[in-house]
Amino acid sequence: MQTNFTAEQLRDPDTARSNEVLRACVHCGFCTATCPTYQVLGDELDSPRGRIYLIKDMLETGRPADEKTVKHIDRCLSCLSCMTTCPSGVHYMHLVDHARAHIEATYKRPWFERTLRAVLAQVLPYPGRFRMALRAAQLARPLKALMPDARLRAMLEMAPRHLPAPSPNDAPQVFPAQGERRMRVALLTGCAQKVLDTDINDATIRLLTRLGCEVVVARGAGCCGALTHHMGKVDQSHAFAAANIRAWGAERRGGGLDAVVINTSGCGTTVKDYDHIFRNDPLAEEAAAISALACDVSELLERLEIPEGADRGLRVAYHSACSLQHGQQIKTTPKTLLKRAGFTVVEPADAHLCCGSAGTYNLMQPEISGQLKARKVRTLEAKSPDVIAAGNIGCMMQIGSGTGVPVVHTVELLDWATGGPKPRALAG
């Protein structure tokens, strides 16, 4: 694609990167075949190719974002299926992230939407605030039908009816390896996940220590920054990321680290991109080191070689989170691990399509998200599973709200298969 940025514009590193991405696009349209929003809406501007044209025009002219551009960029899930499909290697993620930051800086949204986004940004990444908000949502749920806006109704609907008590394992500490220590790893305990489902981090710690890992929950580490990053709130997202880089950097220089382990794939995609995000920052060298250490928990478990298990007689429908299969290009590893552990693994039709969760997307775009959820649940249930497994808390909440089949994290099943407790969702 031909671009026409000025020399002055290209002195901005984000614009220079967007120029590289735009010039790689050859207009082929392969991305439209796998874009969930294009399949639902059928509008070229709700496909990656259409959005690329909108972003190009907005950035080249240097104009503030307009309502039309904002509408179609907001409808993008950032599922990154287009990046898997693209034969030209167009790095759409960096382009749409730049577009969102430009929108946030130049476009004044309607007051209600502006307020809603601000509240989400000030609540979701902070576990204490998020827990209080969910308690309030539980009380307000009976009033859902009276809410004037579909987004408010979606927020009440997504709030779980039961919240687990906080886990002591999420506090900064070191969990020693069982037996001989094979690795020393830092675990990202996250923000929303440790409020919504404490079993995931607990199972991860048990499993990794059982396999010979010393697991560090670093002081000062918290939200990865993904939630606010994808809202275009650059300063807030970078502050979260910088705190993690410093926290894990201190551990790396102190006791040493073999890996930074992430069990929420949406977070993993962002942490692996810290080297790009901080490429022009004083933290660049440290950020690059952390990105190099970052891995999904399934990647680490593959290196650790979990033992083979006997057939457990359980049929597992595996949902591949977009951030894992498209963002990190991890496609077969979780399924291989589950099979090795003794589970029968099946995969739904159109496994490449998003479930509609996508961070805050299911709250801000509930109609499109609901259609994608219904499709995903339908294809999963068609496999008649005993349980659905996924590697991302957002997907788990989204799918779980639409099916009666138990939904658990992949690591919970692997922990159970190697000596841990049966997942709570299966114990009833």
Protein backbone atom coordinates (compact mmCIF):
# COMPACT_ATOMS: atom_id res chain seq x y z
CA MET A 1 0.00 0.00 0.00
CA GLN A 2 1.37 3.40 -0.95
CA THR A 3 1.57 5.92 1.89
CA ASN A 4 2.16 9.66 1.93
CA PHE A 5 3.42 10.60 5.37
CA THR A 6 5.64 13.65 5.61
CA ALA A 7 9.18 13.50 6.91
CA GLU A 8 8.03 15.40 9.99
CA GLN A 9 5.25 12.87 10.66
CA LEU A 10 7.70 9.97 10.30
CA ARG A 11 9.88 11.40 13.05
CA ASP A 12 7.19 10.15 15.44
CA PRO A 13 8.12 6.50 16.16
CA ASP A 14 4.50 5.34 16.33
CA THR A 15 3.70 6.91 12.98
CA ALA A 16 6.85 5.42 11.49
CA ARG A 17 5.80 1.99 12.70
CA SER A 18 2.27 2.45 11.34
CA ASN A 19 3.79 3.48 8.02
CA GLU A 20 5.72 0.19 7.92
CA VAL A 21 2.57 -1.78 8.68
CA LEU A 22 0.49 0.07 6.08
CA ARG A 23 3.08 -0.38 3.37
CA ALA A 24 3.08 -4.15 3.93
CA CYS A 25 -0.64 -4.40 3.07
CA VAL A 26 -1.38 -5.46 -0.54
CA HIS A 27 -5.19 -5.07 -0.38
CA CYS A 28 -5.68 -8.82 -0.98
CA GLY A 29 -8.71 -9.11 1.32
CA PHE A 30 -7.79 -12.53 2.72
CA CYS A 31 -8.35 -11.01 6.17
CA THR A 32 -12.06 -10.48 5.49
CA ALA A 33 -12.65 -14.24 5.35
CA THR A 34 -11.61 -14.74 8.98
CA CYS A 35 -12.69 -11.45 10.57
CA PRO A 36 -15.52 -12.09 13.07
CA THR A 37 -17.07 -8.64 12.81
CA TYR A 38 -17.11 -8.75 9.02
CA GLN A 39 -18.86 -12.11 9.18
CA VAL A 40 -21.47 -10.72 11.57
CA LEU A 41 -21.96 -7.27 10.02
CA GLY A 42 -20.97 -7.75 6.38
CA ASP A 43 -19.57 -4.20 6.14
CA GLU A 44 -16.19 -3.71 4.46
CA LEU A 45 -15.38 -1.01 7.01
CA ASP A 46 -15.83 -3.63 9.73
CA SER A 47 -13.10 -5.77 8.21
CA PRO A 48 -9.35 -5.34 8.75
CA ARG A 49 -8.88 -4.08 5.21
CA GLY A 50 -11.60 -1.48 5.64
CA ARG A 51 -10.25 -0.36 8.99
CA ILE A 52 -6.75 -0.09 7.54
CA TYR A 53 -8.05 2.40 4.95
CA LEU A 54 -9.76 4.43 7.67
CA ILE A 55 -6.65 4.45 9.85
CA LYS A 56 -4.39 5.37 6.92
CA ASP A 57 -6.55 8.35 6.02
CA MET A 58 -6.81 9.50 9.63
CA LEU A 59 -3.08 9.27 10.35
CA GLU A 60 -1.83 10.63 7.02
CA THR A 61 -3.97 13.72 7.19
CA GLY A 62 -3.14 14.17 10.86
CA ARG A 63 -6.74 15.07 11.52
CA PRO A 64 -8.65 14.32 14.70
CA ALA A 65 -10.61 11.08 14.61
CA ASP A 66 -14.18 11.42 13.35
CA GLU A 67 -17.33 9.60 14.42
CA LYS A 68 -17.30 7.20 11.46
CA THR A 69 -13.71 6.09 12.03
CA VAL A 70 -14.25 5.70 15.77
CA LYS A 71 -17.34 3.56 15.25
CA HIS A 72 -15.55 1.03 13.07
CA ILE A 73 -12.34 0.94 15.10
CA ASP A 74 -14.37 0.45 18.29
CA ARG A 75 -16.07 -2.53 16.67
CA CYS A 76 -12.70 -4.26 16.16
CA LEU A 77 -12.18 -7.07 18.66
CA SER A 78 -8.38 -7.05 18.31
CA CYS A 79 -8.72 -10.82 17.99
CA LEU A 80 -5.81 -10.70 15.49
CA SER A 81 -7.24 -13.47 13.34
CA CYS A 82 -6.33 -11.24 10.40
CA MET A 83 -2.65 -11.49 11.35
CA THR A 84 -2.79 -15.28 11.19
CA THR A 85 -4.48 -15.13 7.78
CA CYS A 86 -2.43 -12.32 6.19
CA PRO A 87 0.06 -13.62 3.58
CA SER A 88 1.99 -10.34 3.70
CA GLY A 89 2.69 -10.29 7.44
CA VAL A 90 0.77 -7.08 8.14
CA HIS A 91 1.17 -6.39 11.88
CA TYR A 92 -2.37 -5.14 12.39
CA MET A 93 -2.04 -5.17 16.18
CA HIS A 94 0.49 -2.33 16.25
CA LEU A 95 -1.55 -0.35 13.73
CA VAL A 96 -4.88 -0.58 15.55
CA ASP A 97 -3.21 0.14 18.89
CA HIS A 98 -1.78 3.34 17.42
CA ALA A 99 -5.19 4.24 15.99
CA ARG A 100 -6.84 3.78 19.37
CA ALA A 101 -4.28 5.99 21.06
CA HIS A 102 -4.87 8.66 18.38
CA ILE A 103 -8.63 8.39 18.91
CA GLU A 104 -8.26 8.73 22.65
CA ALA A 105 -6.10 11.84 22.19
CA THR A 106 -8.17 13.61 19.53
CA TYR A 107 -11.81 12.50 19.74
CA LYS A 108 -14.31 13.67 22.34
CA ARG A 109 -16.82 10.89 22.89
CA PRO A 110 -20.39 11.49 24.09
CA TRP A 111 -20.38 12.14 27.82
CA PHE A 112 -22.00 8.83 28.82
CA GLU A 113 -19.57 6.74 26.80
CA ARG A 114 -16.66 8.82 28.02
CA THR A 115 -17.75 8.28 31.61
CA LEU A 116 -18.31 4.57 31.12
CA ARG A 117 -14.85 4.05 29.65
CA ALA A 118 -13.25 6.08 32.42
CA VAL A 119 -15.00 4.01 35.08
CA LEU A 120 -13.89 0.74 33.46
CA ALA A 121 -10.31 1.98 33.26
CA GLN A 122 -10.35 2.99 36.94
CA VAL A 123 -12.00 -0.21 38.19
CA LEU A 124 -11.08 -3.32 36.19
CA PRO A 125 -7.29 -3.22 36.62
CA TYR A 126 -7.54 -2.73 40.40
CA PRO A 127 -8.60 -5.93 42.21
CA GLY A 128 -9.96 -4.20 45.31
CA ARG A 129 -12.09 -1.77 43.33
CA PHE A 130 -13.19 -4.48 40.93
CA ARG A 131 -14.35 -6.72 43.76
CA MET A 132 -16.39 -3.87 45.27
CA ALA A 133 -17.92 -3.10 41.85
CA LEU A 134 -18.93 -6.73 41.36
CA ARG A 135 -20.57 -6.79 44.80
CA ALA A 136 -22.56 -3.70 43.84
CA ALA A 137 -23.51 -5.30 40.51
CA GLN A 138 -24.82 -8.37 42.32
CA LEU A 139 -27.12 -6.15 44.36
CA ALA A 140 -28.24 -4.21 41.27
CA ARG A 141 -28.89 -7.26 39.10
CA PRO A 142 -32.66 -7.37 39.87
CA LEU A 143 -32.89 -3.85 38.38
CA LYS A 144 -31.23 -4.86 35.10
CA ALA A 145 -34.39 -4.43 33.02
CA LEU A 146 -34.68 -0.81 34.17
CA MET A 147 -31.22 0.15 32.93
CA PRO A 148 -31.51 2.62 30.02
CA ASP A 149 -28.38 1.49 28.18
CA ALA A 150 -27.53 -1.98 26.79
CA ARG A 151 -23.97 -1.65 28.03
CA LEU A 152 -25.10 -1.21 31.63
CA ARG A 153 -27.35 -4.24 31.28
CA ALA A 154 -24.42 -6.23 29.87
CA MET A 155 -22.25 -5.29 32.83
CA LEU A 156 -24.85 -6.48 35.31
CA GLU A 157 -25.39 -9.67 33.32
CA MET A 158 -21.68 -10.50 33.21
CA ALA A 159 -21.16 -10.02 36.95
CA PRO A 160 -20.83 -13.50 38.51
CA ARG A 161 -23.39 -14.51 41.08
CA HIS A 162 -20.69 -15.83 43.40
CA LEU A 163 -17.21 -14.47 44.04
CA PRO A 164 -14.41 -16.54 45.59
CA ALA A 165 -12.61 -15.24 48.63
CA PRO A 166 -9.22 -13.67 47.85
CA SER A 167 -6.42 -16.24 47.65
CA PRO A 168 -3.41 -15.80 49.95
CA ASN A 169 -1.29 -17.14 47.08
CA ASP A 170 -1.71 -13.88 45.15
CA ALA A 171 0.31 -11.88 47.69
CA PRO A 172 4.03 -11.26 46.98
CA GLN A 173 5.96 -14.35 48.08
CA VAL A 174 8.10 -17.25 46.89
CA PHE A 175 6.79 -20.80 46.51
CA PRO A 176 9.65 -23.33 46.72
CA ALA A 177 9.98 -26.11 44.19
CA GLN A 178 9.05 -29.61 45.27
CA GLY A 179 12.17 -31.74 45.09
CA GLU A 180 15.09 -30.54 42.98
CA ARG A 181 14.68 -27.03 41.63
CA ARG A 182 14.67 -27.02 37.84
CA MET A 183 13.64 -23.42 37.20
CA ARG A 184 12.92 -20.14 38.91
CA VAL A 185 9.94 -18.33 37.38
CA ALA A 186 7.84 -15.25 38.05
CA LEU A 187 4.07 -15.62 37.82
CA LEU A 188 1.82 -12.79 36.66
CA THR A 189 -1.16 -13.10 39.01
CA GLY A 190 -3.03 -10.40 37.08
CA CYS A 191 -5.89 -8.16 38.12
CA ALA A 192 -9.41 -9.20 37.08
CA GLN A 193 -8.56 -12.90 37.07
CA LYS A 194 -7.62 -13.08 40.73
CA VAL A 195 -10.99 -11.56 41.60
CA LEU A 196 -13.12 -13.68 39.27
CA ASP A 197 -11.41 -17.07 39.66
CA THR A 198 -8.72 -17.68 42.26
CA ASP A 199 -8.47 -21.36 41.31
CA ILE A 200 -6.42 -20.57 38.20
CA ASN A 201 -3.41 -19.05 39.97
CA ASP A 202 -3.66 -21.61 42.77
CA ALA A 203 -3.60 -24.50 40.26
CA THR A 204 -0.73 -22.90 38.34
CA ILE A 205 1.40 -22.58 41.47
CA ARG A 206 0.68 -26.16 42.57
CA LEU A 207 1.46 -27.56 39.14
CA LEU A 208 4.65 -25.60 38.56
CA THR A 209 6.10 -26.29 42.00
CA ARG A 210 5.22 -29.99 41.58
CA LEU A 211 7.22 -30.00 38.36
CA GLY A 212 10.28 -28.43 39.98
CA CYS A 213 9.75 -24.69 39.59
CA GLU A 214 10.37 -22.10 42.26
CA VAL A 215 7.51 -19.67 41.68
CA VAL A 216 7.87 -15.99 42.54
CA VAL A 217 4.96 -13.59 42.93
CA ALA A 218 6.96 -10.38 42.63
CA ARG A 219 6.30 -7.37 44.81
CA GLY A 220 5.10 -4.46 42.71
CA ALA A 221 3.77 -6.51 39.80
CA GLY A 222 0.10 -6.20 38.92
CA CYS A 223 -2.09 -5.51 35.90
CA CYS A 224 -0.21 -6.07 32.63
CA GLY A 225 -1.77 -2.94 31.11
CA ALA A 226 -3.72 -4.72 28.36
CA LEU A 227 -7.19 -3.52 29.38
CA THR A 228 -6.28 0.16 29.23
CA HIS A 229 -3.82 -0.31 26.36
CA HIS A 230 -6.64 -1.50 24.10
CA MET A 231 -8.74 1.48 25.18
CA GLY A 232 -6.04 3.83 23.90
CA LYS A 233 -5.19 5.05 27.40
CA VAL A 234 -1.44 5.11 26.84
CA ASP A 235 -0.21 6.75 30.04
CA GLN A 236 -2.17 4.44 32.33
CA SER A 237 -1.33 1.26 30.43
CA HIS A 238 2.36 2.13 30.23
CA ALA A 239 2.46 2.85 33.96
CA PHE A 240 1.13 -0.64 34.70
CA ALA A 241 3.59 -2.21 32.28
CA ALA A 242 6.54 -0.24 33.66
CA ALA A 243 5.73 -1.41 37.19
CA ASN A 244 5.85 -5.01 36.03
CA ILE A 245 9.09 -4.51 34.13
CA ARG A 246 10.72 -3.04 37.23
CA ALA A 247 9.33 -5.73 39.53
CA TRP A 248 10.41 -8.64 37.34
CA GLY A 249 13.65 -6.90 36.45
CA ALA A 250 14.55 -6.77 40.14
CA GLU A 251 13.89 -10.51 40.43
CA ARG A 252 15.90 -11.21 37.29
CA ARG A 253 18.89 -9.30 38.60
CA GLY A 254 18.47 -10.76 42.10
CA GLY A 255 17.66 -14.47 42.29
CA GLY A 256 17.50 -14.84 38.52
CA LEU A 257 14.53 -15.82 36.35
CA ASP A 258 14.15 -18.54 33.74
CA ALA A 259 10.70 -17.34 32.67
CA VAL A 260 7.88 -14.90 33.31
CA VAL A 261 4.81 -17.13 33.26
CA ILE A 262 1.38 -15.86 32.23
CA ASN A 263 -1.80 -17.93 32.54
CA THR A 264 -4.11 -15.34 30.95
CA SER A 265 -3.35 -15.29 27.26
CA GLY A 266 -4.66 -11.75 26.72
CA CYS A 267 -2.05 -10.56 29.20
CA GLY A 268 0.60 -12.74 27.61
CA THR A 269 0.21 -11.12 24.21
CA THR A 270 0.74 -7.69 25.79
CA VAL A 271 3.71 -8.68 27.98
CA LYS A 272 5.43 -10.24 24.99
CA ASP A 273 5.01 -6.88 23.26
CA TYR A 274 6.65 -4.85 26.05
CA ASP A 275 9.83 -4.69 23.98
CA HIS A 276 7.94 -2.87 21.22
CA ILE A 277 5.92 -0.66 23.55
CA PHE A 278 9.06 0.55 25.39
CA ARG A 279 11.44 0.52 22.40
CA ASN A 280 12.12 4.27 22.74
CA ASP A 281 11.95 4.43 26.53
CA PRO A 282 14.74 4.37 29.13
CA LEU A 283 13.27 0.99 30.14
CA ALA A 284 13.86 -0.42 26.63
CA GLU A 285 16.64 -2.85 27.54
CA GLU A 286 14.83 -4.18 30.61
CA ALA A 287 11.54 -4.41 28.70
CA ALA A 288 13.20 -6.43 25.94
CA ALA A 289 14.64 -8.81 28.53
CA ILE A 290 11.21 -9.32 30.12
CA SER A 291 9.52 -9.88 26.74
CA ALA A 292 12.13 -12.52 25.95
CA LEU A 293 11.36 -14.31 29.23
CA ALA A 294 7.57 -14.10 28.88
CA CYS A 295 5.73 -17.30 28.04
CA ASP A 296 2.26 -18.73 28.28
CA VAL A 297 1.95 -21.37 30.99
CA SER A 298 1.37 -24.01 28.29
CA GLU A 299 4.73 -23.15 26.69
CA LEU A 300 6.51 -23.64 30.00
CA LEU A 301 4.66 -26.90 30.71
CA GLU A 302 5.77 -28.20 27.33
CA ARG A 303 9.38 -27.50 28.32
CA LEU A 304 8.87 -29.16 31.69
CA GLU A 305 7.36 -32.27 30.06
CA ILE A 306 4.40 -33.12 32.28
CA PRO A 307 4.04 -36.88 32.86
CA GLU A 308 1.69 -38.98 30.78
CA GLY A 309 -1.62 -39.79 32.47
CA ALA A 310 -4.11 -42.62 32.22
CA ASP A 311 -7.33 -42.13 30.29
CA ARG A 312 -9.58 -40.09 32.56
CA GLY A 313 -12.73 -40.76 30.53
CA LEU A 314 -13.44 -37.05 30.17
CA ARG A 315 -14.28 -35.33 26.90
CA VAL A 316 -12.76 -31.84 26.81
CA ALA A 317 -13.81 -29.26 24.22
CA TYR A 318 -10.82 -26.97 23.87
CA HIS A 319 -11.51 -23.31 23.12
CA SER A 320 -8.45 -21.61 21.68
CA ALA A 321 -8.39 -18.00 22.88
CA CYS A 322 -7.66 -15.53 20.09
CA SER A 323 -4.84 -13.96 22.07
CA LEU A 324 -3.21 -17.39 22.29
CA GLN A 325 -3.72 -18.78 18.79
CA HIS A 326 -3.48 -15.50 16.85
CA GLY A 327 -1.66 -13.13 19.19
CA GLN A 328 0.99 -15.62 20.32
CA GLN A 329 0.67 -18.25 17.59
CA ILE A 330 0.28 -21.02 20.19
CA LYS A 331 -2.16 -23.44 18.62
CA THR A 332 -1.41 -27.09 19.35
CA THR A 333 0.51 -27.00 22.65
CA PRO A 334 -2.47 -26.85 25.08
CA LYS A 335 -4.29 -29.63 23.21
CA THR A 336 -1.15 -31.79 23.20
CA LEU A 337 -0.72 -31.29 26.95
CA LEU A 338 -4.34 -32.22 27.66
CA LYS A 339 -4.09 -35.36 25.56
CA ARG A 340 -0.84 -36.33 27.26
CA ALA A 341 -2.52 -35.90 30.64
CA GLY A 342 -5.24 -38.43 29.70
CA PHE A 343 -8.10 -36.31 28.36
CA THR A 344 -10.01 -36.79 25.12
CA VAL A 345 -9.75 -33.45 23.34
CA VAL A 346 -12.18 -32.15 20.73
CA GLU A 347 -12.24 -28.77 19.01
CA PRO A 348 -15.27 -26.86 17.71
CA ALA A 349 -15.95 -25.86 14.14
CA ASP A 350 -14.56 -22.44 13.17
CA ALA A 351 -12.17 -22.58 16.11
CA HIS A 352 -10.35 -19.54 14.73
CA LEU A 353 -13.33 -17.25 15.39
CA CYS A 354 -13.55 -15.08 18.51
CA CYS A 355 -15.99 -15.81 21.33
CA GLY A 356 -16.72 -12.07 21.63
CA SER A 357 -15.09 -11.43 25.00
CA ALA A 358 -12.00 -9.43 23.96
CA GLY A 359 -11.23 -7.53 27.17
CA THR A 360 -13.93 -4.90 27.63
CA TYR A 361 -15.52 -5.58 24.24
CA ASN A 362 -18.40 -7.66 25.63
CA LEU A 363 -19.25 -4.73 27.89
CA MET A 364 -18.91 -1.97 25.31
CA GLN A 365 -20.26 -3.81 22.25
CA PRO A 366 -22.79 -6.23 23.80
CA GLU A 367 -24.87 -6.85 20.67
CA ILE A 368 -21.99 -8.00 18.45
CA SER A 369 -20.38 -9.79 21.38
CA GLY A 370 -23.63 -11.64 22.09
CA GLN A 371 -23.87 -12.91 18.52
CA LEU A 372 -20.31 -14.18 18.63
CA LYS A 373 -20.89 -15.83 22.01
CA ALA A 374 -23.98 -17.64 20.76
CA ARG A 375 -22.07 -18.94 17.76
CA LYS A 376 -19.12 -20.09 19.86
CA VAL A 377 -21.29 -21.81 22.47
CA ARG A 378 -23.28 -23.55 19.76
CA THR A 379 -20.16 -24.99 18.12
CA LEU A 380 -18.67 -26.06 21.45
CA GLU A 381 -21.84 -27.77 22.64
CA ALA A 382 -22.11 -29.57 19.29
CA LYS A 383 -19.09 -31.61 20.39
CA SER A 384 -21.01 -32.96 23.43
CA PRO A 385 -18.20 -32.22 25.88
CA ASP A 386 -18.06 -33.01 29.57
CA VAL A 387 -16.08 -29.82 30.13
CA ILE A 388 -14.83 -26.83 28.15
CA ALA A 389 -11.21 -25.75 28.64
CA ALA A 390 -9.66 -22.39 27.76
CA GLY A 391 -6.52 -20.44 28.58
CA ASN A 392 -7.99 -16.98 29.15
CA ILE A 393 -10.28 -15.76 31.94
CA GLY A 394 -12.23 -13.44 29.62
CA CYS A 395 -13.15 -16.31 27.32
CA MET A 396 -14.06 -18.47 30.30
CA MET A 397 -16.46 -15.87 31.66
CA GLN A 398 -17.95 -15.16 28.24
CA ILE A 399 -18.55 -18.81 27.30
CA GLY A 400 -19.59 -19.78 30.82
CA SER A 401 -22.36 -17.17 30.77
CA GLY A 402 -23.92 -18.90 27.77
CA THR A 403 -23.69 -22.61 28.53
CA GLY A 404 -24.44 -25.13 31.25
CA VAL A 405 -21.26 -27.09 30.44
CA PRO A 406 -18.54 -26.50 33.08
CA VAL A 407 -15.78 -24.17 31.89
CA VAL A 408 -12.31 -24.44 33.43
CA HIS A 409 -8.81 -23.23 32.72
CA THR A 410 -6.54 -25.70 30.94
CA VAL A 411 -4.08 -25.54 33.83
CA GLU A 412 -6.76 -26.71 36.29
CA LEU A 413 -7.20 -29.93 34.34
CA LEU A 414 -3.44 -30.48 34.09
CA ASP A 415 -3.02 -29.84 37.81
CA TRP A 416 -5.76 -32.38 38.57
CA ALA A 417 -4.20 -34.95 36.24
CA THR A 418 -0.83 -34.68 37.99
CA GLY A 419 -2.00 -34.92 41.59
CA GLY A 420 -3.92 -31.75 42.33
CA PRO A 421 -7.57 -31.43 43.39
CA LYS A 422 -10.44 -31.91 41.00
CA PRO A 423 -11.48 -28.55 39.50
CA ARG A 424 -14.25 -26.97 41.54
CA ALA A 425 -16.47 -26.63 38.47
CA LEU A 426 -16.41 -30.42 38.05
CA ALA A 427 -16.76 -31.33 41.71
CA GLY A 428 -20.50 -30.71 41.95
